[in-house]
Amino acid sequence: MSATIKLENKHFPVLLKELLSIISPLYGGTFIDCTFGQGGYSKKILEEKKNKIIALDRDQDVNLYVKEIEKKYSNRFNFHNIKFSQINNLKIKDNDLKAIIFDLGYSLNQIKDLSKGLSFQSKGKLNMKMGLNEFSSHEVISKMNEKNLVKIFKFFGDEIHAKKIVKKIVENRKIKTINTEDLTKIIDDVKKYKNSKINNSTKVFQALRIFVNKEISELINGLINAFHLLPVGGIILVVTFHSIEDRIVKFFFKNYSEIKNPSRYLPNKNKILKCFKLTNKKPIIPNSEELKLNPSSRSAKLRFVTKISNQYNFDDFKKKFEYLTDIENLQFDK
């Protein structure tokens, strides 16, 4: 899923230089690329002969890029077509795992693939499935009740016109099957007098994509399982592209990088020890040079932590964002 752009047949992963400076691939080791996409990060890391890559992606359409790297680095590259929340199923043969990388963006190729329906410029039947899905956005728009649709658009897209848009959807689906063009027209009709720097459909499409791919649950479980797989001294890096993702990552890193002691009078044995070292409290963002080369990287934020302890209970992390995962688990009407 990595967020790259295509320029003169070359792919440029977002914040590549910054990421490489953090993981220090020159010293060698095993790295997990949880969102392989077009292989931008993986290829760069594999340039150092001491490195190995375990790559994951739920999208089967990345096979072309997988085969390209397998051909060149067969003995140092291993790919799995799984969701990154399933990272705990990996069998790491050595104890040389140095970093786990998550790039939560979508590649230009995925956006341009109109059959996936990720873009509001797509045509025909609604989709938005990124692989290993239970349903598509077509089922969501066709079957989800009005109240639940409003929740999806409001919480996953921050769409302030959610109620009006959903009301129009419900009216229209009584007489026809709503496709991508129909949905964008409905949104435009509701928001036609609104001045905005982003396309009218951006927030609704984001909300549907998150819901269809269960991106919130994926991220929460992916982070927790990455922690358990990573040895002490290893690094977790995450590149986010919208505020919901960043809020989750920020909480996970910051909340478990602080010593939480409810009272200074309690003995040390009752203190909750931190499990991460947080070097940068603020996220790393693209510099002006990268923004000029790739304007779509403007919303990217890179956060990272170093693991310093093996023991931790993340129940409060799950509880913190339970209101979002509950929405992801909304069911269609019978």
Protein backbone atom coordinates (compact mmCIF):
# COMPACT_ATOMS: atom_id res chain seq x y z
CA MET A 1 0.00 0.00 0.00
CA SER A 2 3.01 2.27 0.25
CA ALA A 3 2.44 5.87 -0.72
CA THR A 4 4.68 6.45 -3.70
CA ILE A 5 4.60 8.51 -6.84
CA LYS A 6 5.70 7.55 -10.32
CA LEU A 7 8.14 9.88 -12.05
CA GLU A 8 10.13 8.85 -15.11
CA ASN A 9 9.28 5.21 -14.34
CA LYS A 10 10.81 5.45 -10.86
CA HIS A 11 8.97 5.11 -7.57
CA PHE A 12 9.73 7.37 -4.65
CA PRO A 13 8.53 6.21 -1.23
CA VAL A 14 7.52 8.99 1.12
CA LEU A 15 10.12 10.10 3.71
CA LEU A 16 12.61 7.48 2.48
CA LYS A 17 15.78 9.33 3.56
CA GLU A 18 14.37 9.98 7.00
CA LEU A 19 13.28 6.37 7.42
CA LEU A 20 16.69 5.01 6.38
CA SER A 21 18.47 7.31 8.83
CA ILE A 22 16.35 5.86 11.65
CA ILE A 23 16.70 2.15 10.88
CA SER A 24 20.41 2.32 9.87
CA PRO A 25 20.34 -0.49 7.26
CA LEU A 26 24.10 -0.19 6.70
CA TYR A 27 24.67 -2.33 9.79
CA GLY A 28 22.62 -5.25 8.43
CA GLY A 29 19.67 -7.17 9.79
CA THR A 30 16.13 -8.34 9.06
CA PHE A 31 13.40 -5.79 8.39
CA ILE A 32 9.64 -6.31 8.00
CA ASP A 33 7.91 -4.16 5.39
CA CYS A 34 4.27 -4.47 6.46
CA THR A 35 2.88 -2.54 3.48
CA PHE A 36 5.00 -3.68 0.55
CA GLY A 37 3.06 -1.90 -2.23
CA GLN A 38 5.47 -1.29 -5.09
CA GLY A 39 8.46 -2.29 -3.01
CA GLY A 40 10.08 1.13 -2.68
CA TYR A 41 11.30 0.73 0.90
CA SER A 42 12.17 -2.96 0.45
CA LYS A 43 14.31 -2.40 -2.64
CA LYS A 44 16.30 0.38 -1.01
CA ILE A 45 16.96 -1.64 2.15
CA LEU A 46 17.99 -4.69 0.10
CA GLU A 47 20.70 -2.68 -1.65
CA GLU A 48 22.83 -3.45 1.41
CA LYS A 49 23.92 -7.08 1.05
CA LYS A 50 23.70 -7.80 4.77
CA ASN A 51 19.95 -7.10 4.89
CA LYS A 52 16.91 -9.37 4.63
CA ILE A 53 13.31 -8.29 4.01
CA ILE A 54 10.09 -9.97 5.06
CA ALA A 55 7.36 -8.19 3.11
CA LEU A 56 3.59 -8.26 3.63
CA ASP A 57 0.66 -6.96 1.61
CA ARG A 58 -3.03 -7.84 1.49
CA ASP A 59 -3.27 -6.75 -2.15
CA GLN A 60 -2.60 -9.59 -4.59
CA ASP A 61 -1.99 -7.08 -7.38
CA VAL A 62 1.48 -6.35 -5.98
CA ASN A 63 2.71 -9.69 -7.37
CA LEU A 64 4.39 -7.99 -10.34
CA TYR A 65 6.65 -6.03 -7.99
CA VAL A 66 7.15 -9.07 -5.75
CA LYS A 67 8.45 -11.17 -8.65
CA GLU A 68 10.82 -8.39 -9.70
CA ILE A 69 12.45 -8.32 -6.27
CA GLU A 70 12.36 -12.11 -5.80
CA LYS A 71 14.30 -12.50 -9.04
CA LYS A 72 17.03 -10.13 -7.87
CA TYR A 73 17.15 -10.90 -4.14
CA SER A 74 15.65 -14.40 -3.87
CA ASN A 75 17.77 -15.48 -0.91
CA ARG A 76 17.13 -12.29 1.09
CA PHE A 77 13.48 -11.54 0.32
CA ASN A 78 10.35 -13.31 1.54
CA PHE A 79 6.80 -12.18 0.70
CA HIS A 80 3.48 -13.03 2.40
CA ASN A 81 0.05 -12.13 1.02
CA ILE A 82 -1.52 -11.44 4.41
CA LYS A 83 -2.91 -8.49 6.37
CA PHE A 84 -0.35 -6.84 8.61
CA SER A 85 -2.57 -7.51 11.64
CA GLN A 86 -1.51 -11.15 11.10
CA ILE A 87 2.17 -10.32 11.58
CA ASN A 88 2.18 -12.48 14.71
CA ASN A 89 1.81 -15.55 12.46
CA LEU A 90 5.26 -15.01 10.97
CA LYS A 91 8.01 -17.42 11.94
CA ILE A 92 11.23 -15.45 12.34
CA LYS A 93 14.13 -17.89 12.05
CA ASP A 94 16.79 -15.64 13.54
CA ASN A 95 16.78 -13.02 16.26
CA ASP A 96 18.15 -10.27 14.03
CA LEU A 97 14.89 -8.36 13.48
CA LYS A 98 15.84 -4.69 13.50
CA ALA A 99 12.69 -2.80 12.47
CA ILE A 100 9.04 -3.16 11.48
CA ILE A 101 7.79 -0.59 8.98
CA PHE A 102 4.19 0.49 8.30
CA ASP A 103 3.40 2.89 5.42
CA LEU A 104 -0.35 3.44 5.61
CA GLY A 105 -0.77 5.29 2.33
CA TYR A 106 -1.96 4.02 -1.04
CA SER A 107 0.27 3.91 -4.10
CA LEU A 108 -0.48 5.87 -7.24
CA ASN A 109 -1.01 2.59 -9.10
CA GLN A 110 -3.70 1.55 -6.62
CA ILE A 111 -5.44 4.91 -6.92
CA LYS A 112 -5.25 4.78 -10.73
CA ASP A 113 -6.63 1.24 -10.84
CA LEU A 114 -10.24 2.23 -11.39
CA SER A 115 -11.45 -1.32 -10.75
CA LYS A 116 -10.48 -0.91 -7.09
CA GLY A 117 -12.69 2.15 -6.85
CA LEU A 118 -10.44 3.94 -4.35
CA SER A 119 -10.76 7.19 -6.27
CA PHE A 120 -13.89 9.25 -6.83
CA GLN A 121 -12.75 9.36 -10.45
CA SER A 122 -13.45 5.64 -10.76
CA LYS A 123 -16.32 4.38 -12.88
CA GLY A 124 -18.98 1.75 -12.42
CA LYS A 125 -19.63 -0.50 -9.45
CA LEU A 126 -18.39 0.64 -6.06
CA ASN A 127 -15.56 -1.49 -4.66
CA MET A 128 -12.64 -0.22 -2.48
CA LYS A 129 -11.52 -3.74 -1.48
CA MET A 130 -7.76 -3.94 -0.96
CA GLY A 131 -7.68 -7.72 -0.64
CA LEU A 132 -8.79 -10.36 1.88
CA ASN A 133 -12.06 -8.47 2.44
CA GLU A 134 -15.48 -9.61 3.62
CA PHE A 135 -17.46 -7.08 1.53
CA SER A 136 -17.10 -4.06 -0.75
CA SER A 137 -18.36 -0.48 -0.58
CA HIS A 138 -21.17 -1.57 -2.94
CA GLU A 139 -22.69 -3.67 -0.13
CA VAL A 140 -22.19 -0.84 2.36
CA ILE A 141 -24.03 1.74 0.25
CA SER A 142 -26.72 -0.75 -0.77
CA LYS A 143 -27.44 -2.49 2.54
CA MET A 144 -26.27 -0.42 5.52
CA ASN A 145 -29.09 1.34 7.34
CA GLU A 146 -29.31 5.12 7.49
CA LYS A 147 -28.20 5.53 11.09
CA ASN A 148 -25.10 3.40 10.66
CA LEU A 149 -24.11 5.05 7.37
CA VAL A 150 -24.15 8.41 9.13
CA LYS A 151 -21.83 7.03 11.82
CA ILE A 152 -19.39 5.72 9.20
CA PHE A 153 -19.23 9.02 7.29
CA LYS A 154 -19.07 11.13 10.44
CA PHE A 155 -16.44 9.21 12.43
CA PHE A 156 -14.26 7.84 9.62
CA GLY A 157 -14.54 10.81 7.26
CA ASP A 158 -15.28 13.72 9.58
CA GLU A 159 -18.03 14.59 7.08
CA ILE A 160 -20.19 17.36 8.57
CA HIS A 161 -22.85 16.83 5.88
CA ALA A 162 -23.14 13.10 6.64
CA LYS A 163 -26.88 13.17 7.46
CA LYS A 164 -27.86 15.02 4.29
CA ILE A 165 -25.67 12.81 2.09
CA VAL A 166 -26.99 9.61 3.64
CA LYS A 167 -30.59 10.78 3.28
CA LYS A 168 -29.99 11.27 -0.46
CA ILE A 169 -28.32 7.86 -0.72
CA VAL A 170 -31.27 6.13 0.93
CA GLU A 171 -33.72 7.93 -1.36
CA ASN A 172 -31.76 7.02 -4.50
CA ARG A 173 -31.09 3.38 -3.67
CA LYS A 174 -34.83 2.72 -3.49
CA ILE A 175 -35.05 3.22 -7.24
CA LYS A 176 -31.61 2.23 -8.55
CA THR A 177 -28.27 0.63 -7.75
CA ILE A 178 -25.86 3.36 -6.76
CA ASN A 179 -22.49 3.20 -8.54
CA THR A 180 -19.39 5.38 -8.15
CA GLU A 181 -20.63 8.15 -10.46
CA ASP A 182 -24.01 8.20 -8.70
CA LEU A 183 -22.38 8.53 -5.30
CA THR A 184 -20.14 11.42 -6.33
CA LYS A 185 -23.15 13.19 -7.89
CA ILE A 186 -25.18 12.77 -4.69
CA ILE A 187 -22.32 14.26 -2.67
CA ASP A 188 -21.88 17.14 -5.13
CA ASP A 189 -25.61 17.89 -5.02
CA VAL A 190 -25.46 18.19 -1.23
CA LYS A 191 -22.20 20.17 -1.12
CA LYS A 192 -22.42 22.14 -4.37
CA TYR A 193 -22.15 25.51 -2.66
CA LYS A 194 -19.33 24.52 -0.35
CA ASN A 195 -15.89 26.05 -0.91
CA SER A 196 -13.12 23.58 -0.15
CA LYS A 197 -9.56 22.82 -1.21
CA ILE A 198 -10.39 19.12 -1.41
CA ASN A 199 -12.83 17.32 -3.66
CA ASN A 200 -16.39 17.10 -2.30
CA SER A 201 -16.20 13.28 -2.26
CA THR A 202 -12.86 12.92 -0.47
CA LYS A 203 -14.20 12.46 3.08
CA VAL A 204 -16.98 10.02 2.17
CA PHE A 205 -14.63 7.90 0.07
CA GLN A 206 -12.07 7.88 2.90
CA ALA A 207 -14.77 6.74 5.33
CA LEU A 208 -15.92 3.92 3.06
CA ARG A 209 -12.36 2.77 2.42
CA ILE A 210 -11.61 2.64 6.15
CA PHE A 211 -14.81 0.71 6.86
CA VAL A 212 -14.46 -1.77 3.99
CA ASN A 213 -10.84 -2.58 4.82
CA LYS A 214 -11.26 -2.35 8.62
CA GLU A 215 -8.26 -0.07 8.71
CA ILE A 216 -8.68 0.93 12.35
CA SER A 217 -8.68 -2.65 13.67
CA GLU A 218 -5.86 -3.52 11.30
CA LEU A 219 -3.69 -0.71 12.62
CA ILE A 220 -4.41 -1.34 16.31
CA ASN A 221 -3.81 -5.09 16.07
CA GLY A 222 -0.85 -4.60 13.73
CA LEU A 223 0.90 -2.31 16.22
CA ILE A 224 0.27 -4.62 19.17
CA ASN A 225 1.40 -7.75 17.31
CA ALA A 226 4.44 -5.92 15.94
CA PHE A 227 5.45 -5.07 19.53
CA HIS A 228 5.23 -8.72 20.60
CA LEU A 229 7.22 -9.92 17.57
CA LEU A 230 9.98 -7.30 17.81
CA PRO A 231 12.96 -7.99 20.10
CA VAL A 232 14.13 -5.41 22.62
CA GLY A 233 16.17 -2.78 20.77
CA GLY A 234 14.06 -3.05 17.63
CA ILE A 235 12.22 -0.13 16.06
CA ILE A 236 8.60 0.35 14.97
CA LEU A 237 8.07 3.05 12.31
CA VAL A 238 4.71 4.23 10.98
CA VAL A 239 3.94 6.68 8.18
CA THR A 240 0.37 7.99 8.44
CA PHE A 241 -1.69 10.08 6.02
CA HIS A 242 -4.81 11.16 7.89
CA SER A 243 -5.66 12.33 11.39
CA ILE A 244 -7.38 9.14 12.61
CA GLU A 245 -4.34 6.98 11.85
CA ASP A 246 -1.97 9.52 13.33
CA ARG A 247 -4.03 9.87 16.50
CA ILE A 248 -3.89 6.09 17.06
CA VAL A 249 -0.15 5.84 16.42
CA LYS A 250 0.61 8.91 18.54
CA PHE A 251 -1.33 7.49 21.49
CA PHE A 252 0.28 4.06 21.20
CA PHE A 253 3.81 5.45 21.09
CA LYS A 254 3.43 8.25 23.63
CA ASN A 255 1.21 6.44 26.13
CA TYR A 256 3.65 3.55 26.50
CA SER A 257 6.77 5.70 26.42
CA GLU A 258 6.03 7.44 29.70
CA ILE A 259 6.29 6.24 33.29
CA LYS A 260 2.77 6.47 34.64
CA ASN A 261 2.72 6.73 38.42
CA PRO A 262 -0.59 7.87 39.98
CA SER A 263 1.17 9.06 43.11
CA ARG A 264 4.76 10.00 43.89
CA TYR A 265 4.27 8.36 47.29
CA LEU A 266 3.76 4.88 45.84
CA PRO A 267 6.78 2.55 46.03
CA ASN A 268 8.73 1.94 42.83
CA LYS A 269 7.39 -1.62 42.51
CA ASN A 270 3.90 -0.18 41.86
CA LYS A 271 5.05 2.03 39.01
CA ILE A 272 4.15 1.01 35.47
CA LEU A 273 7.36 0.83 33.47
CA LYS A 274 7.56 2.16 29.94
CA CYS A 275 8.13 -0.25 27.06
CA PHE A 276 9.21 2.25 24.38
CA LYS A 277 11.85 4.91 24.04
CA LEU A 278 10.35 7.89 22.22
CA THR A 279 13.12 9.94 20.62
CA ASN A 280 10.95 12.46 18.75
CA LYS A 281 7.73 13.64 20.37
CA LYS A 282 6.72 15.44 17.19
CA PRO A 283 6.26 13.62 13.87
CA ILE A 284 8.76 13.90 11.03
CA ILE A 285 7.20 15.50 7.94
CA PRO A 286 8.38 15.89 4.33
CA ASN A 287 10.78 18.74 3.62
CA SER A 288 10.21 21.37 0.94
CA GLU A 289 12.24 19.42 -1.61
CA GLU A 290 10.08 16.31 -1.25
CA LEU A 291 6.88 18.35 -1.26
CA LYS A 292 7.93 19.91 -4.54
CA LEU A 293 8.69 16.51 -6.05
CA ASN A 294 5.62 14.82 -4.59
CA PRO A 295 2.80 17.18 -3.49
CA SER A 296 0.68 14.21 -2.37
CA SER A 297 3.16 13.61 0.46
CA ARG A 298 2.03 16.81 2.20
CA SER A 299 -0.12 14.93 4.74
CA ALA A 300 2.53 12.30 5.59
CA LYS A 301 3.77 11.99 9.17
CA LEU A 302 6.48 9.60 10.32
CA ARG A 303 6.59 8.47 13.95
CA PHE A 304 8.88 5.85 15.48
CA VAL A 305 9.82 4.23 18.78
CA THR A 306 12.46 1.83 20.06
CA LYS A 307 11.32 -1.16 22.11
CA ILE A 308 12.97 -1.34 25.56
CA SER A 309 10.80 -3.91 27.38
CA ASN A 310 9.01 -7.16 26.53
CA GLN A 311 6.12 -7.02 28.99
CA TYR A 312 3.04 -4.91 28.52
CA ASN A 313 -0.74 -5.05 28.56
CA PHE A 314 -2.42 -2.95 25.86
CA ASP A 315 -6.03 -3.22 27.04
CA ASP A 316 -6.28 0.52 27.63
CA PHE A 317 -5.06 1.13 24.05
CA LYS A 318 -7.88 -1.01 22.67
CA LYS A 319 -10.36 0.63 25.02
CA LYS A 320 -9.29 4.12 23.94
CA PHE A 321 -10.37 3.49 20.34
CA GLU A 322 -13.16 1.04 20.97
CA TYR A 323 -15.72 3.58 19.74
CA LEU A 324 -14.07 3.35 16.30
CA THR A 325 -13.67 -0.43 16.18
CA ASP A 326 -17.32 -0.77 17.24
CA ILE A 327 -18.29 1.21 14.14
CA GLU A 328 -16.11 -1.05 11.98
CA ASN A 329 -18.12 -4.00 13.30
CA LEU A 330 -21.52 -2.58 12.36
CA GLN A 331 -23.64 -5.16 10.57
CA PHE A 332 -25.86 -4.88 7.51
CA ASP A 333 -29.60 -5.06 7.94
CA LYS A 334 -31.00 -8.55 7.49
